[in-house]
Amino acid sequence: MAKHPSFLEQFRSFCFQNKPQELEHALEYFSVFGGMGWSVDISKPLDALIESKVLKNYTYIHGDITKLTQSDKTSHALLSAVAVGDGRIHSALKRARISRVDGEKVIHSLCSKNLLKREYSLESPPNEDEKIDEKLNFNTPFMRFWFAFVSPYFKTIKEGDFKEAMESFANRKSEFYELTFKKLSHELIKKSLKDDPIAEIGSYWDREVQIDILAKTKSGKVVAGICKYSTQKAKKSELTKLQEQCRLAEITPDIFIVISKNGFSNELKALKGDDVKLFSIKNFKTLIEDLSEKDFIECVGKRY
């Protein structure tokens, strides 16, 4: 196993170790505990596990994390800003009230420690004068969870009061899961388009446009996709929105993809074909086929 496992490797290890029965549970529990190698009893409610495994062990986990961050307040401010925002460097620095010069030093340090990594828009914007900022992403799901919902509420958590942290998680968990859904969607596309394999995949963004999935196949075809993590079925309007975003970015896809947690309207299903592909959460099962001992990543720190 690689020294720094990929997102998919972390997900496969989590599923092998904890054996979730439902794909939606796998995604949600992985979004919180992924990347740490901890054993998680998925038969228990997620909120209860967060309290027992994380919040009640705050002092010990905080101590382990500060060994990486060296208790640097600027690093913690940036990590929390990335965890709760869209990841764009400019907006993260603004939220954390850090100058660009100081921010670049902190970013370099956090990337070298494998806490964060830089992500680039797959294509340049149509306006050559428009400079597009990079994004920052966490390498492990748990660290993102910690800096989104634990670190900002450390004062009350230390006192044994978990209400503020748990309310914040309850209010924002759906959007929090969405990034995991998008990342795994990239892996699903790579695995699903076998006849013309994906050569490059990522996302596109500029000041006006956001395209969840942008990819190029080995033959040169362009693939654009949108992810919908919602209790509602994806409708034709999702495809229309994706097509409009591509038009604004001056991108002409050969294949459009809609990935929806909760299925599709009949109107959207009717458009399915060679140039419009639909994937629901049940398709994610292909990501965890043939799990075996070799997929397991041993916990290298303390177990909680």
Protein backbone atom coordinates (compact mmCIF):
# COMPACT_ATOMS: atom_id res chain seq x y z
CA MET A 1 0.00 0.00 0.00
CA ALA A 2 1.25 3.49 -0.86
CA LYS A 3 2.61 5.66 1.93
CA HIS A 4 -0.16 8.18 1.22
CA PRO A 5 -3.19 6.13 0.16
CA SER A 6 -5.55 7.57 -2.43
CA PHE A 7 -9.13 8.52 -1.59
CA LEU A 8 -10.39 5.31 -3.19
CA GLU A 9 -7.83 3.19 -1.31
CA GLN A 10 -8.99 4.78 1.96
CA PHE A 11 -12.63 4.08 1.07
CA ARG A 12 -11.96 0.46 0.15
CA SER A 13 -10.01 -0.08 3.38
CA PHE A 14 -12.81 1.51 5.43
CA CYS A 15 -15.42 -0.75 3.81
CA PHE A 16 -13.29 -3.89 4.19
CA GLN A 17 -12.66 -3.15 7.86
CA ASN A 18 -16.15 -2.02 8.87
CA LYS A 19 -18.39 -3.88 6.39
CA PRO A 20 -21.23 -1.38 5.89
CA GLN A 21 -24.40 -2.97 4.51
CA GLU A 22 -25.75 0.17 2.82
CA LEU A 23 -23.76 2.29 0.36
CA GLU A 24 -25.26 5.48 1.75
CA HIS A 25 -24.08 4.51 5.26
CA ALA A 26 -20.66 3.67 3.86
CA LEU A 27 -20.35 7.15 2.36
CA GLU A 28 -21.63 8.99 5.45
CA TYR A 29 -19.59 7.12 8.05
CA PHE A 30 -16.50 7.27 5.82
CA SER A 31 -16.96 11.05 5.51
CA VAL A 32 -16.50 11.28 9.28
CA PHE A 33 -14.06 8.49 10.17
CA GLY A 34 -12.29 7.79 6.88
CA GLY A 35 -8.54 7.62 6.61
CA MET A 36 -7.78 6.82 10.25
CA GLY A 37 -7.93 3.03 10.25
CA TRP A 38 -10.31 2.98 13.19
CA SER A 39 -12.84 0.22 13.70
CA VAL A 40 -16.35 1.69 13.55
CA ASP A 41 -19.55 -0.07 14.60
CA ILE A 42 -21.80 1.00 11.73
CA SER A 43 -24.83 -0.59 13.41
CA LYS A 44 -24.75 2.35 15.85
CA PRO A 45 -26.11 5.83 14.97
CA LEU A 46 -23.48 8.14 13.53
CA ASP A 47 -24.18 10.90 16.06
CA ALA A 48 -23.62 8.49 18.96
CA LEU A 49 -20.30 7.35 17.45
CA ILE A 50 -19.15 10.93 16.97
CA GLU A 51 -19.78 11.63 20.64
CA SER A 52 -18.21 8.42 21.98
CA LYS A 53 -15.23 8.08 19.63
CA VAL A 54 -14.37 11.71 18.88
CA LEU A 55 -15.83 14.30 21.24
CA LYS A 56 -15.26 12.31 24.44
CA ASN A 57 -11.69 11.66 23.28
CA TYR A 58 -11.12 15.28 22.27
CA THR A 59 -8.09 15.85 24.50
CA TYR A 60 -6.24 12.79 23.20
CA ILE A 61 -7.05 13.27 19.51
CA HIS A 62 -6.28 16.99 19.75
CA GLY A 63 -2.90 16.09 21.24
CA ASP A 64 -2.12 13.79 18.31
CA ILE A 65 -3.19 16.35 15.70
CA THR A 66 -1.18 19.17 17.26
CA LYS A 67 1.94 17.04 16.83
CA LEU A 68 1.37 17.54 13.11
CA THR A 69 0.33 21.19 13.25
CA GLN A 70 2.68 22.11 16.11
CA SER A 71 -0.32 23.89 17.69
CA ASP A 72 0.08 26.69 15.15
CA LYS A 73 -3.02 28.90 15.35
CA THR A 74 -2.63 30.12 11.77
CA SER A 75 -2.55 26.53 10.52
CA HIS A 76 -5.67 25.67 12.51
CA ALA A 77 -7.49 28.75 11.21
CA LEU A 78 -6.68 27.85 7.60
CA LEU A 79 -7.61 24.19 8.06
CA SER A 80 -11.01 25.15 9.48
CA ALA A 81 -11.55 27.67 6.68
CA VAL A 82 -10.86 25.01 4.06
CA ALA A 83 -13.04 22.47 5.88
CA VAL A 84 -16.16 24.66 5.91
CA GLY A 85 -15.67 26.53 2.62
CA ASP A 86 -15.40 25.70 -1.08
CA GLY A 87 -11.65 25.11 -0.84
CA ARG A 88 -10.59 28.03 -3.02
CA ILE A 89 -7.38 29.47 -1.62
CA HIS A 90 -8.47 33.11 -1.86
CA SER A 91 -11.74 32.53 0.02
CA ALA A 92 -10.05 30.28 2.61
CA LEU A 93 -7.39 32.90 3.38
CA LYS A 94 -10.06 35.61 3.59
CA ARG A 95 -12.18 33.51 5.95
CA ALA A 96 -9.14 32.74 8.12
CA ARG A 97 -7.93 36.36 7.97
CA ILE A 98 -4.49 35.38 6.71
CA SER A 99 -2.42 37.34 4.20
CA ARG A 100 -1.46 35.69 0.91
CA VAL A 101 2.24 35.70 1.80
CA ASP A 102 1.71 34.10 5.22
CA GLY A 103 -0.92 31.82 3.76
CA GLU A 104 1.39 30.37 1.13
CA LYS A 105 3.92 29.48 3.83
CA VAL A 106 1.24 27.72 5.88
CA ILE A 107 -0.16 25.94 2.81
CA HIS A 108 3.30 24.67 1.87
CA SER A 109 3.80 23.36 5.40
CA LEU A 110 0.39 21.65 5.57
CA CYS A 111 0.81 20.06 2.14
CA SER A 112 4.27 18.75 3.08
CA LYS A 113 2.68 17.10 6.14
CA ASN A 114 0.02 15.48 3.91
CA LEU A 115 -2.85 17.28 5.63
CA LEU A 116 -3.83 19.22 2.51
CA LYS A 117 -3.22 19.02 -1.22
CA ARG A 118 -3.64 21.52 -4.03
CA GLU A 119 -6.18 20.98 -6.78
CA TYR A 120 -6.25 22.78 -10.12
CA SER A 121 -9.10 23.51 -12.52
CA LEU A 122 -8.80 21.01 -15.37
CA GLU A 123 -9.24 23.69 -18.05
CA SER A 124 -8.35 27.36 -18.24
CA PRO A 125 -11.26 29.83 -18.34
CA PRO A 126 -12.30 31.25 -21.73
CA ASN A 127 -11.19 34.73 -20.62
CA GLU A 128 -7.39 34.63 -20.78
CA ASP A 129 -7.11 37.57 -18.38
CA GLU A 130 -9.04 35.76 -15.67
CA LYS A 131 -6.75 34.20 -13.07
CA ILE A 132 -8.29 31.14 -11.45
CA ASP A 133 -7.33 30.31 -7.89
CA GLU A 134 -6.37 26.80 -6.91
CA LYS A 135 -8.36 24.79 -4.38
CA LEU A 136 -7.21 23.01 -1.25
CA ASN A 137 -8.51 19.59 -0.30
CA PHE A 138 -7.96 17.40 2.75
CA ASN A 139 -6.16 14.13 2.18
CA THR A 140 -8.22 12.27 4.78
CA PRO A 141 -11.95 12.65 5.48
CA PHE A 142 -11.56 12.60 9.26
CA MET A 143 -9.25 15.62 9.28
CA ARG A 144 -11.82 17.57 7.30
CA PHE A 145 -14.52 16.53 9.78
CA TRP A 146 -12.32 17.50 12.74
CA PHE A 147 -11.55 20.99 11.45
CA ALA A 148 -15.14 21.60 10.32
CA PHE A 149 -17.06 20.46 13.39
CA VAL A 150 -14.68 19.84 16.29
CA SER A 151 -11.79 22.30 16.29
CA PRO A 152 -14.01 25.43 15.99
CA TYR A 153 -15.96 24.37 19.11
CA PHE A 154 -13.05 23.25 21.26
CA LYS A 155 -13.94 25.48 24.23
CA THR A 156 -17.33 23.89 24.90
CA ILE A 157 -16.17 20.41 23.91
CA LYS A 158 -13.35 20.56 26.48
CA GLU A 159 -15.99 21.33 29.10
CA GLY A 160 -17.97 18.24 28.08
CA ASP A 161 -20.68 20.24 26.32
CA PHE A 162 -21.17 18.80 22.82
CA LYS A 163 -24.39 20.61 21.90
CA GLU A 164 -22.83 23.34 19.74
CA ALA A 165 -20.65 20.92 17.77
CA MET A 166 -23.44 18.42 17.18
CA GLU A 167 -25.91 21.11 16.12
CA SER A 168 -23.40 22.45 13.61
CA PHE A 169 -22.94 18.95 12.18
CA ALA A 170 -26.70 18.35 12.03
CA ASN A 171 -27.25 21.59 10.12
CA ARG A 172 -24.48 21.06 7.57
CA LYS A 173 -23.97 17.31 7.25
CA SER A 174 -25.68 16.97 3.88
CA GLU A 175 -23.38 19.51 2.21
CA PHE A 176 -20.48 17.94 4.12
CA TYR A 177 -21.21 14.49 2.64
CA GLU A 178 -21.50 16.02 -0.82
CA LEU A 179 -17.74 16.44 -1.29
CA THR A 180 -17.16 12.75 -0.48
CA PHE A 181 -19.91 11.91 -2.98
CA LYS A 182 -18.18 14.03 -5.65
CA LYS A 183 -14.75 12.51 -5.01
CA LEU A 184 -16.10 8.98 -5.20
CA SER A 185 -18.05 9.96 -8.32
CA HIS A 186 -14.74 10.71 -10.03
CA GLU A 187 -13.58 7.20 -9.15
CA LEU A 188 -16.88 5.75 -10.41
CA ILE A 189 -16.46 7.46 -13.78
CA LYS A 190 -12.92 6.12 -14.12
CA LYS A 191 -14.16 2.63 -13.41
CA SER A 192 -17.31 2.80 -15.53
CA LEU A 193 -16.04 4.13 -18.86
CA LYS A 194 -14.01 1.06 -19.81
CA ASP A 195 -14.45 1.05 -23.59
CA ASP A 196 -12.69 4.41 -23.86
CA PRO A 197 -10.75 4.79 -20.60
CA ILE A 198 -10.44 8.09 -18.76
CA ALA A 199 -7.04 9.67 -19.34
CA GLU A 200 -7.54 12.73 -17.13
CA ILE A 201 -10.25 13.73 -14.66
CA GLY A 202 -10.92 16.60 -12.29
CA SER A 203 -13.27 19.56 -11.95
CA TYR A 204 -13.63 22.93 -13.64
CA TRP A 205 -14.23 26.27 -11.99
CA ASP A 206 -13.86 29.94 -12.70
CA ARG A 207 -15.45 33.02 -11.14
CA GLU A 208 -18.87 32.19 -12.56
CA VAL A 209 -18.93 28.49 -13.39
CA GLN A 210 -18.54 25.25 -11.44
CA ILE A 211 -18.51 21.85 -13.20
CA ASP A 212 -18.29 18.93 -10.74
CA ILE A 213 -16.69 16.49 -13.17
CA LEU A 214 -14.60 17.26 -16.24
CA ALA A 215 -12.66 14.48 -17.91
CA LYS A 216 -10.96 13.48 -21.12
CA THR A 217 -10.89 9.95 -22.47
CA LYS A 218 -8.00 8.19 -24.14
CA SER A 219 -9.53 8.86 -27.57
CA GLY A 220 -9.91 12.56 -26.78
CA LYS A 221 -13.62 12.72 -25.91
CA VAL A 222 -14.68 15.31 -23.34
CA VAL A 223 -16.88 14.20 -20.43
CA ALA A 224 -18.74 16.63 -18.16
CA GLY A 225 -20.73 15.62 -15.10
CA ILE A 226 -22.89 16.98 -12.30
CA CYS A 227 -23.37 15.40 -8.86
CA LYS A 228 -26.63 15.68 -6.93
CA TYR A 229 -26.47 14.58 -3.29
CA SER A 230 -30.09 15.06 -2.29
CA THR A 231 -33.18 13.25 -1.06
CA GLN A 232 -34.87 14.35 -4.29
CA LYS A 233 -34.58 12.61 -7.64
CA ALA A 234 -32.43 14.36 -10.23
CA LYS A 235 -34.58 16.05 -12.88
CA LYS A 236 -33.99 17.12 -16.46
CA SER A 237 -33.14 20.58 -15.10
CA GLU A 238 -29.89 19.15 -13.65
CA LEU A 239 -28.77 18.16 -17.14
CA THR A 240 -29.88 21.53 -18.52
CA LYS A 241 -27.87 23.29 -15.79
CA LEU A 242 -24.79 21.23 -16.64
CA GLN A 243 -25.13 22.00 -20.34
CA GLU A 244 -25.45 25.72 -19.60
CA GLN A 245 -22.37 25.69 -17.35
CA CYS A 246 -20.39 24.02 -20.15
CA ARG A 247 -21.62 26.63 -22.65
CA LEU A 248 -20.51 29.47 -20.38
CA ALA A 249 -17.08 27.83 -19.95
CA GLU A 250 -16.86 27.30 -23.72
CA ILE A 251 -16.49 23.56 -23.24
CA THR A 252 -18.16 21.16 -25.69
CA PRO A 253 -18.60 17.73 -24.10
CA ASP A 254 -19.17 14.53 -26.05
CA ILE A 255 -20.73 12.86 -23.01
CA PHE A 256 -22.84 14.34 -20.21
CA ILE A 257 -23.13 12.48 -16.91
CA VAL A 258 -25.59 13.00 -14.05
CA ILE A 259 -24.81 11.24 -10.77
CA SER A 260 -27.65 11.26 -8.26
CA LYS A 261 -27.90 9.75 -4.80
CA ASN A 262 -31.64 9.26 -5.09
CA GLY A 263 -32.30 8.27 -8.68
CA PHE A 264 -33.83 10.15 -11.60
CA SER A 265 -37.12 11.51 -12.90
CA ASN A 266 -38.74 9.65 -15.79
CA GLU A 267 -38.15 12.69 -18.01
CA LEU A 268 -34.40 12.50 -17.37
CA LYS A 269 -34.32 8.71 -17.76
CA ALA A 270 -35.85 9.13 -21.23
CA LEU A 271 -32.77 11.12 -22.32
CA LYS A 272 -30.33 8.37 -21.35
CA GLY A 273 -28.11 7.22 -24.23
CA ASP A 274 -24.56 7.22 -25.59
CA ASP A 275 -24.17 10.93 -24.93
CA VAL A 276 -26.12 11.10 -21.64
CA LYS A 277 -25.22 8.65 -18.87
CA LEU A 278 -26.92 8.33 -15.49
CA PHE A 279 -25.45 6.83 -12.31
CA SER A 280 -27.13 6.40 -8.92
CA ILE A 281 -25.63 5.45 -5.57
CA LYS A 282 -26.15 1.73 -6.27
CA ASN A 283 -23.50 2.04 -9.02
CA PHE A 284 -20.92 2.90 -6.35
CA LYS A 285 -20.94 -0.78 -5.42
CA THR A 286 -18.43 -1.34 -8.23
CA LEU A 287 -15.88 0.67 -6.19
CA ILE A 288 -15.86 -1.89 -3.40
CA GLU A 289 -16.03 -5.13 -5.35
CA ASP A 290 -13.54 -7.89 -4.59
CA LEU A 291 -12.43 -6.45 -1.25
CA SER A 292 -9.72 -8.49 0.44
CA GLU A 293 -7.09 -8.29 3.14
CA LYS A 294 -4.74 -6.49 0.76
CA ASP A 295 -7.13 -3.50 0.77
CA PHE A 296 -6.83 -3.03 4.53
CA ILE A 297 -4.71 -0.07 5.68
CA GLU A 298 -3.46 -0.59 9.22
CA CYS A 299 -4.02 2.17 11.76
CA VAL A 300 -0.65 3.82 12.37
CA GLY A 301 -1.65 5.99 15.35
CA LYS A 302 -3.79 5.43 18.40
CA ARG A 303 -7.12 3.62 18.13
CA TYR A 304 -10.18 5.40 19.52
